[in-house]
């Protein structure tokens, strides 16, 4: 049987939700970066014209969410 020390006892009490929250935050950052990059490429494909950045963003968002 493993010896229980203060260090091992503290490890047991660490909530697993911290790692889940960190992964969720990291996933959100990755998704946002992907959307941003896709919107940029869409803007480039349209000839870098100004005025429809929201449309580019929404189309990129839809691409990754549907």
N, C-alpha and C. Protein backbone atom coordinates (compact mmCIF):
# COMPACT_ATOMS: atom_id res chain seq x y z
N UNK A 1 0.84 -1.18 0.00
CA UNK A 1 0.00 0.00 0.00
C UNK A 1 0.89 1.25 0.00
N UNK A 2 0.49 2.26 -0.75
CA UNK A 2 1.28 3.48 -0.88
C UNK A 2 1.20 4.30 0.40
N UNK A 3 2.32 4.90 0.72
CA UNK A 3 2.39 5.74 1.91
C UNK A 3 1.76 7.10 1.60
N UNK A 4 0.88 7.56 2.47
CA UNK A 4 0.23 8.85 2.27
C UNK A 4 1.05 9.92 2.98
N UNK A 5 1.47 10.89 2.20
CA UNK A 5 2.23 12.02 2.73
C UNK A 5 1.42 13.28 2.46
N UNK A 6 1.79 14.40 3.06
CA UNK A 6 1.05 15.65 2.78
C UNK A 6 1.04 16.00 1.29
N UNK A 7 2.13 15.67 0.58
CA UNK A 7 2.19 15.98 -0.85
C UNK A 7 1.18 15.15 -1.63
N UNK A 8 1.10 13.84 -1.33
CA UNK A 8 0.17 12.99 -2.06
C UNK A 8 -1.27 13.29 -1.66
N UNK A 9 -1.47 13.67 -0.43
CA UNK A 9 -2.82 14.03 0.03
C UNK A 9 -3.32 15.28 -0.69
N UNK A 10 -2.44 16.27 -0.89
CA UNK A 10 -2.82 17.50 -1.59
C UNK A 10 -3.16 17.21 -3.05
N UNK A 11 -2.46 16.28 -3.67
CA UNK A 11 -2.73 15.94 -5.06
C UNK A 11 -4.13 15.36 -5.21
N UNK A 12 -4.56 14.61 -4.22
CA UNK A 12 -5.88 14.01 -4.27
C UNK A 12 -6.97 15.07 -4.19
N UNK A 13 -6.71 16.16 -3.48
CA UNK A 13 -7.71 17.19 -3.27
C UNK A 13 -7.79 18.20 -4.41
N UNK A 14 -6.85 18.15 -5.34
CA UNK A 14 -6.86 19.08 -6.46
C UNK A 14 -8.05 18.74 -7.36
N UNK A 15 -8.94 19.71 -7.56
CA UNK A 15 -10.12 19.41 -8.38
C UNK A 15 -9.77 19.17 -9.83
N UNK A 16 -10.41 18.20 -10.42
CA UNK A 16 -10.19 17.89 -11.83
C UNK A 16 -10.75 18.98 -12.72
N UNK A 17 -11.66 19.78 -12.19
CA UNK A 17 -12.29 20.83 -13.00
C UNK A 17 -11.28 21.88 -13.45
N UNK A 18 -10.19 22.05 -12.73
CA UNK A 18 -9.18 23.01 -13.15
C UNK A 18 -8.61 22.62 -14.51
N UNK A 19 -8.31 21.35 -14.67
CA UNK A 19 -7.75 20.92 -15.94
C UNK A 19 -8.80 20.99 -17.05
N UNK A 20 -10.04 20.71 -16.73
CA UNK A 20 -11.12 20.80 -17.71
C UNK A 20 -11.33 22.25 -18.14
N UNK A 21 -11.28 23.16 -17.17
CA UNK A 21 -11.44 24.59 -17.48
C UNK A 21 -10.28 25.08 -18.34
N UNK A 22 -9.08 24.63 -18.03
CA UNK A 22 -7.91 25.03 -18.81
C UNK A 22 -8.01 24.52 -20.23
N UNK A 23 -8.45 23.27 -20.39
CA UNK A 23 -8.61 22.71 -21.73
C UNK A 23 -9.70 23.45 -22.50
N UNK A 24 -10.79 23.79 -21.82
CA UNK A 24 -11.89 24.51 -22.48
C UNK A 24 -11.42 25.89 -22.93
N UNK A 25 -10.67 26.57 -22.08
CA UNK A 25 -10.15 27.89 -22.44
C UNK A 25 -9.19 27.79 -23.61
N UNK A 26 -8.36 26.78 -23.60
CA UNK A 26 -7.40 26.58 -24.68
C UNK A 26 -8.13 26.26 -25.98
N UNK A 27 -9.16 25.44 -25.91
CA UNK A 27 -9.95 25.09 -27.09
C UNK A 27 -10.64 26.33 -27.64
N UNK A 28 -11.17 27.18 -26.76
CA UNK A 28 -11.82 28.41 -27.19
C UNK A 28 -10.83 29.32 -27.89
N UNK A 29 -9.61 29.42 -27.35
CA UNK A 29 -8.58 30.25 -27.98
C UNK A 29 -8.21 29.72 -29.35
N UNK A 30 -8.09 28.41 -29.47
CA UNK A 30 -7.75 27.81 -30.75
C UNK A 30 -8.86 28.08 -31.76
N UNK A 31 -10.10 27.88 -31.35
CA UNK A 31 -11.24 28.10 -32.24
C UNK A 31 -11.27 29.56 -32.70
N UNK A 32 -11.06 30.48 -31.78
CA UNK A 32 -11.08 31.90 -32.14
C UNK A 32 -9.95 32.24 -33.11
N UNK A 33 -8.79 31.66 -32.90
CA UNK A 33 -7.67 31.88 -33.81
C UNK A 33 -7.98 31.33 -35.20
N UNK A 34 -8.62 30.16 -35.25
CA UNK A 34 -8.98 29.57 -36.53
C UNK A 34 -10.01 30.44 -37.26
N UNK A 35 -10.98 30.94 -36.52
CA UNK A 35 -12.01 31.80 -37.12
C UNK A 35 -11.37 33.08 -37.63
N UNK A 36 -10.49 33.66 -36.84
CA UNK A 36 -9.82 34.90 -37.23
C UNK A 36 -9.02 34.70 -38.52
N UNK A 37 -8.30 33.60 -38.59
CA UNK A 37 -7.49 33.31 -39.77
C UNK A 37 -8.38 33.06 -40.99
N UNK A 38 -9.46 32.31 -40.81
CA UNK A 38 -10.37 32.04 -41.92
C UNK A 38 -11.02 33.33 -42.41
N UNK A 39 -11.38 34.21 -41.51
CA UNK A 39 -11.97 35.50 -41.90
C UNK A 39 -10.95 36.34 -42.66
N UNK A 40 -9.72 36.29 -42.23
CA UNK A 40 -8.66 37.03 -42.92
C UNK A 40 -8.49 36.52 -44.35
N UNK A 41 -8.46 35.20 -44.50
CA UNK A 41 -8.32 34.62 -45.84
C UNK A 41 -9.52 34.96 -46.72
N UNK A 42 -10.69 34.98 -46.12
CA UNK A 42 -11.90 35.37 -46.87
C UNK A 42 -11.75 36.81 -47.35
N UNK A 43 -11.26 37.67 -46.49
CA UNK A 43 -11.05 39.09 -46.84
C UNK A 43 -10.04 39.21 -47.97
N UNK A 44 -8.97 38.41 -47.89
CA UNK A 44 -7.97 38.42 -48.96
C UNK A 44 -8.56 37.95 -50.29
N UNK A 45 -9.37 36.88 -50.24
CA UNK A 45 -10.00 36.35 -51.45
C UNK A 45 -10.92 37.38 -52.11
N UNK A 46 -11.53 38.23 -51.30
CA UNK A 46 -12.43 39.26 -51.83
C UNK A 46 -11.66 40.47 -52.35
N UNK A 47 -10.38 40.44 -52.32
CA UNK A 47 -9.58 41.53 -52.84
C UNK A 47 -9.22 42.59 -51.81
N UNK A 48 -9.31 42.23 -50.54
CA UNK A 48 -8.94 43.13 -49.43
C UNK A 48 -9.77 44.41 -49.41
N UNK A 49 -11.02 44.30 -49.82
CA UNK A 49 -11.89 45.47 -49.77
C UNK A 49 -12.42 45.64 -48.35
N UNK A 50 -12.61 46.87 -47.98
CA UNK A 50 -13.07 47.19 -46.62
C UNK A 50 -14.58 47.27 -46.57
N UNK A 51 -15.11 47.07 -45.37
CA UNK A 51 -16.52 47.29 -45.15
C UNK A 51 -17.35 46.07 -44.85
N UNK A 52 -16.80 44.88 -44.99
CA UNK A 52 -17.62 43.70 -44.70
C UNK A 52 -16.89 42.72 -43.78
N UNK A 53 -16.17 43.27 -42.83
CA UNK A 53 -15.42 42.42 -41.91
C UNK A 53 -16.34 41.54 -41.06
N UNK A 54 -17.50 42.07 -40.71
CA UNK A 54 -18.45 41.28 -39.91
C UNK A 54 -18.95 40.08 -40.70
N UNK A 55 -19.25 40.29 -41.97
CA UNK A 55 -19.70 39.19 -42.83
C UNK A 55 -18.61 38.12 -42.94
N UNK A 56 -17.37 38.55 -43.12
CA UNK A 56 -16.26 37.60 -43.19
C UNK A 56 -16.15 36.78 -41.90
N UNK A 57 -16.28 37.46 -40.78
CA UNK A 57 -16.18 36.79 -39.48
C UNK A 57 -17.31 35.78 -39.32
N UNK A 58 -18.55 36.19 -39.62
CA UNK A 58 -19.70 35.30 -39.45
C UNK A 58 -19.62 34.09 -40.38
N UNK A 59 -19.15 34.30 -41.60
CA UNK A 59 -18.99 33.17 -42.52
C UNK A 59 -17.93 32.20 -42.01
N UNK A 60 -16.85 32.73 -41.48
CA UNK A 60 -15.79 31.87 -40.91
C UNK A 60 -16.32 31.13 -39.70
N UNK A 61 -17.08 31.81 -38.86
CA UNK A 61 -17.66 31.18 -37.68
C UNK A 61 -18.60 30.05 -38.09
N UNK A 62 -19.43 30.32 -39.07
CA UNK A 62 -20.36 29.29 -39.54
C UNK A 62 -19.63 28.09 -40.12
N UNK A 63 -18.53 28.33 -40.78
CA UNK A 63 -17.74 27.24 -41.35
C UNK A 63 -17.28 26.27 -40.25
N UNK A 64 -16.86 26.81 -39.10
CA UNK A 64 -16.33 25.97 -38.03
C UNK A 64 -17.39 25.43 -37.08
N UNK A 65 -18.57 26.01 -37.09
CA UNK A 65 -19.60 25.57 -36.13
C UNK A 65 -20.67 24.70 -36.75
N UNK A 66 -20.81 24.71 -38.05
CA UNK A 66 -21.87 23.89 -38.69
C UNK A 66 -21.27 22.82 -39.53
